[in-house]
Amino acid sequence: MAPLDATPVVDWTDCPLVEVIPGKVSGVPLLKGTRLPADTILENYEGGSPVAEICENFDMPEDTIREILSYAARKQPPQP
Protein backbone atom coordinates (compact mmCIF):
# COMPACT_ATOMS: atom_id res chain seq x y z
CA MET A 1 0.00 0.00 0.00
CA ALA A 2 1.41 3.36 -1.03
CA PRO A 3 1.79 6.02 1.69
CA LEU A 4 -0.74 8.84 1.72
CA ASP A 5 0.44 12.20 0.41
CA ALA A 6 0.37 14.49 3.45
CA THR A 7 0.34 17.62 1.27
CA PRO A 8 -3.28 18.72 0.85
CA VAL A 9 -4.58 19.91 -2.50
CA VAL A 10 -6.47 22.73 -0.75
CA ASP A 11 -5.72 24.68 2.44
CA TRP A 12 -8.51 23.29 4.64
CA THR A 13 -7.44 25.29 7.71
CA ASP A 14 -10.62 27.39 7.98
CA CYS A 15 -13.12 24.80 6.80
CA PRO A 16 -15.55 23.98 9.64
CA LEU A 17 -16.14 20.48 8.25
CA VAL A 18 -12.47 19.46 8.29
CA GLU A 19 -10.05 18.60 11.07
CA VAL A 20 -6.39 17.62 11.31
CA ILE A 21 -5.43 15.24 14.08
CA PRO A 22 -1.72 14.38 14.24
CA GLY A 23 -1.33 10.62 14.06
CA LYS A 24 -4.77 10.00 12.55
CA VAL A 25 -4.43 8.98 8.88
CA SER A 26 -0.92 10.48 8.83
CA GLY A 27 -2.24 13.90 9.85
CA VAL A 28 -4.01 14.65 6.56
CA PRO A 29 -7.11 16.90 6.67
CA LEU A 30 -10.16 14.70 7.31
CA LEU A 31 -13.88 15.29 7.32
CA LYS A 32 -14.72 15.70 11.00
CA GLY A 33 -15.60 12.49 12.76
CA THR A 34 -14.37 10.32 9.88
CA ARG A 35 -11.17 8.93 8.42
CA LEU A 36 -12.08 10.32 4.99
CA PRO A 37 -9.50 12.77 3.60
CA ALA A 38 -11.15 15.99 2.45
CA ASP A 39 -8.99 15.95 -0.68
CA THR A 40 -10.54 12.61 -1.65
CA ILE A 41 -13.91 14.29 -2.15
CA LEU A 42 -12.34 16.94 -4.37
CA GLU A 43 -10.26 14.42 -6.33
CA ASN A 44 -13.32 12.24 -7.00
CA TYR A 45 -15.33 15.22 -8.21
CA GLU A 46 -12.51 16.50 -10.42
CA GLY A 47 -12.12 12.96 -11.74
CA GLY A 48 -15.66 13.07 -13.07
CA SER A 49 -17.72 11.51 -10.29
CA PRO A 50 -21.08 13.23 -9.85
CA VAL A 51 -22.04 14.47 -6.37
CA ALA A 52 -24.68 11.75 -5.97
CA GLU A 53 -22.09 9.04 -6.65
CA ILE A 54 -19.62 10.56 -4.17
CA CYS A 55 -22.37 10.66 -1.54
CA GLU A 56 -23.15 7.01 -2.13
CA ASN A 57 -19.53 5.86 -2.29
CA PHE A 58 -18.54 7.56 0.96
CA ASP A 59 -21.90 7.43 2.77
CA MET A 60 -21.95 11.21 3.20
CA PRO A 61 -24.89 13.63 2.99
CA GLU A 62 -25.14 15.66 -0.21
CA ASP A 63 -25.04 18.98 1.63
CA THR A 64 -21.71 18.01 3.22
CA ILE A 65 -20.21 17.08 -0.15
CA ARG A 66 -21.48 20.28 -1.76
CA GLU A 67 -20.11 22.40 1.11
CA ILE A 68 -16.69 20.73 0.82
CA LEU A 69 -16.65 21.33 -2.95
CA SER A 70 -17.76 24.94 -2.50
CA TYR A 71 -15.04 25.59 0.08
CA ALA A 72 -12.42 23.98 -2.17
CA ALA A 73 -13.51 26.10 -5.12
CA ARG A 74 -12.97 29.26 -3.06
CA LYS A 75 -9.60 28.16 -1.63
CA GLN A 76 -7.89 26.33 -4.47
CA PRO A 77 -4.92 28.24 -5.89
CA PRO A 78 -5.37 29.51 -9.44
CA GLN A 79 -4.17 27.14 -12.16
CA PRO A 80 -1.24 28.43 -14.27
C-alpha atoms as a PDB file:
ATOM      1  CA  MET A   1       0.000   0.000   0.000  1.00  0.00           C
ATOM      2  CA  ALA A   2       1.413   3.362  -1.031  1.00  0.00           C
ATOM      3  CA  PRO A   3       1.786   6.015   1.690  1.00  0.00           C
ATOM      4  CA  LEU A   4      -0.738   8.843   1.718  1.00  0.00           C
ATOM      5  CA  ASP A   5       0.437  12.195   0.412  1.00  0.00           C
ATOM      6  CA  ALA A   6       0.368  14.490   3.448  1.00  0.00           C
ATOM      7  CA  THR A   7       0.338  17.621   1.269  1.00  0.00           C
ATOM      8  CA  PRO A   8      -3.282  18.722   0.852  1.00  0.00           C
ATOM      9  CA  VAL A   9      -4.585  19.912  -2.504  1.00  0.00           C
ATOM     10  CA  VAL A  10      -6.472  22.730  -0.746  1.00  0.00           C
ATOM     11  CA  ASP A  11      -5.720  24.677   2.438  1.00  0.00           C
ATOM     12  CA  TRP A  12      -8.506  23.292   4.639  1.00  0.00           C
ATOM     13  CA  THR A  13      -7.445  25.290   7.714  1.00  0.00           C
ATOM     14  CA  ASP A  14     -10.619  27.391   7.981  1.00  0.00           C
ATOM     15  CA  CYS A  15     -13.120  24.797   6.801  1.00  0.00           C
ATOM     16  CA  PRO A  16     -15.545  23.981   9.638  1.00  0.00           C
ATOM     17  CA  LEU A  17     -16.144  20.483   8.248  1.00  0.00           C
ATOM     18  CA  VAL A  18     -12.475  19.461   8.292  1.00  0.00           C
ATOM     19  CA  GLU A  19     -10.048  18.599  11.069  1.00  0.00           C
ATOM     20  CA  VAL A  20      -6.393  17.617  11.306  1.00  0.00           C
ATOM     21  CA  ILE A  21      -5.433  15.236  14.078  1.00  0.00           C
ATOM     22  CA  PRO A  22      -1.720  14.380  14.237  1.00  0.00           C
ATOM     23  CA  GLY A  23      -1.326  10.615  14.058  1.00  0.00           C
ATOM     24  CA  LYS A  24      -4.769  10.004  12.553  1.00  0.00           C
ATOM     25  CA  VAL A  25      -4.429   8.983   8.878  1.00  0.00           C
ATOM     26  CA  SER A  26      -0.922  10.477   8.832  1.00  0.00           C
ATOM     27  CA  GLY A  27      -2.236  13.904   9.854  1.00  0.00           C
ATOM     28  CA  VAL A  28      -4.009  14.648   6.559  1.00  0.00           C
ATOM     29  CA  PRO A  29      -7.109  16.900   6.671  1.00  0.00           C
ATOM     30  CA  LEU A  30     -10.164  14.698   7.311  1.00  0.00           C
ATOM     31  CA  LEU A  31     -13.882  15.286   7.319  1.00  0.00           C
ATOM     32  CA  LYS A  32     -14.721  15.700  10.997  1.00  0.00           C
ATOM     33  CA  GLY A  33     -15.603  12.494  12.761  1.00  0.00           C
ATOM     34  CA  THR A  34     -14.371  10.320   9.883  1.00  0.00           C
ATOM     35  CA  ARG A  35     -11.175   8.927   8.425  1.00  0.00           C
ATOM     36  CA  LEU A  36     -12.083  10.320   4.987  1.00  0.00           C
ATOM     37  CA  PRO A  37      -9.503  12.769   3.600  1.00  0.00           C
ATOM     38  CA  ALA A  38     -11.145  15.995   2.451  1.00  0.00           C
ATOM     39  CA  ASP A  39      -8.990  15.951  -0.681  1.00  0.00           C
ATOM     40  CA  THR A  40     -10.537  12.606  -1.650  1.00  0.00           C
ATOM     41  CA  ILE A  41     -13.911  14.295  -2.148  1.00  0.00           C
ATOM     42  CA  LEU A  42     -12.342  16.940  -4.370  1.00  0.00           C
ATOM     43  CA  GLU A  43     -10.264  14.416  -6.325  1.00  0.00           C
ATOM     44  CA  ASN A  44     -13.321  12.238  -7.001  1.00  0.00           C
ATOM     45  CA  TYR A  45     -15.332  15.222  -8.212  1.00  0.00           C
ATOM     46  CA  GLU A  46     -12.514  16.497 -10.420  1.00  0.00           C
ATOM     47  CA  GLY A  47     -12.123  12.962 -11.744  1.00  0.00           C
ATOM     48  CA  GLY A  48     -15.664  13.066 -13.072  1.00  0.00           C
ATOM     49  CA  SER A  49     -17.717  11.512 -10.286  1.00  0.00           C
ATOM     50  CA  PRO A  50     -21.079  13.229  -9.847  1.00  0.00           C
ATOM     51  CA  VAL A  51     -22.035  14.472  -6.369  1.00  0.00           C
ATOM     52  CA  ALA A  52     -24.677  11.750  -5.966  1.00  0.00           C
ATOM     53  CA  GLU A  53     -22.086   9.038  -6.654  1.00  0.00           C
ATOM     54  CA  ILE A  54     -19.618  10.563  -4.169  1.00  0.00           C
ATOM     55  CA  CYS A  55     -22.373  10.660  -1.535  1.00  0.00           C
ATOM     56  CA  GLU A  56     -23.153   7.006  -2.130  1.00  0.00           C
ATOM     57  CA  ASN A  57     -19.526   5.859  -2.288  1.00  0.00           C
ATOM     58  CA  PHE A  58     -18.543   7.562   0.964  1.00  0.00           C
ATOM     59  CA  ASP A  59     -21.905   7.428   2.773  1.00  0.00           C
ATOM     60  CA  MET A  60     -21.947  11.211   3.197  1.00  0.00           C
ATOM     61  CA  PRO A  61     -24.890  13.627   2.985  1.00  0.00           C
ATOM     62  CA  GLU A  62     -25.143  15.656  -0.212  1.00  0.00           C
ATOM     63  CA  ASP A  63     -25.043  18.985   1.634  1.00  0.00           C
ATOM     64  CA  THR A  64     -21.705  18.011   3.216  1.00  0.00           C
ATOM     65  CA  ILE A  65     -20.206  17.076  -0.149  1.00  0.00           C
ATOM     66  CA  ARG A  66     -21.476  20.276  -1.759  1.00  0.00           C
ATOM     67  CA  GLU A  67     -20.113  22.396   1.113  1.00  0.00           C
ATOM     68  CA  ILE A  68     -16.694  20.729   0.821  1.00  0.00           C
ATOM     69  CA  LEU A  69     -16.652  21.326  -2.945  1.00  0.00           C
ATOM     70  CA  SER A  70     -17.757  24.941  -2.497  1.00  0.00           C
ATOM     71  CA  TYR A  71     -15.044  25.588   0.080  1.00  0.00           C
ATOM     72  CA  ALA A  72     -12.416  23.975  -2.168  1.00  0.00           C
ATOM     73  CA  ALA A  73     -13.512  26.102  -5.119  1.00  0.00           C
ATOM     74  CA  ARG A  74     -12.971  29.264  -3.060  1.00  0.00           C
ATOM     75  CA  LYS A  75      -9.602  28.160  -1.627  1.00  0.00           C
ATOM     76  CA  GLN A  76      -7.889  26.327  -4.474  1.00  0.00           C
ATOM     77  CA  PRO A  77      -4.922  28.242  -5.886  1.00  0.00           C
ATOM     78  CA  PRO A  78      -5.369  29.511  -9.443  1.00  0.00           C
ATOM     79  CA  GLN A  79      -4.167  27.143 -12.160  1.00  0.00           C
ATOM     80  CA  PRO A  80      -1.236  28.426 -14.272  1.00  0.00           C
END
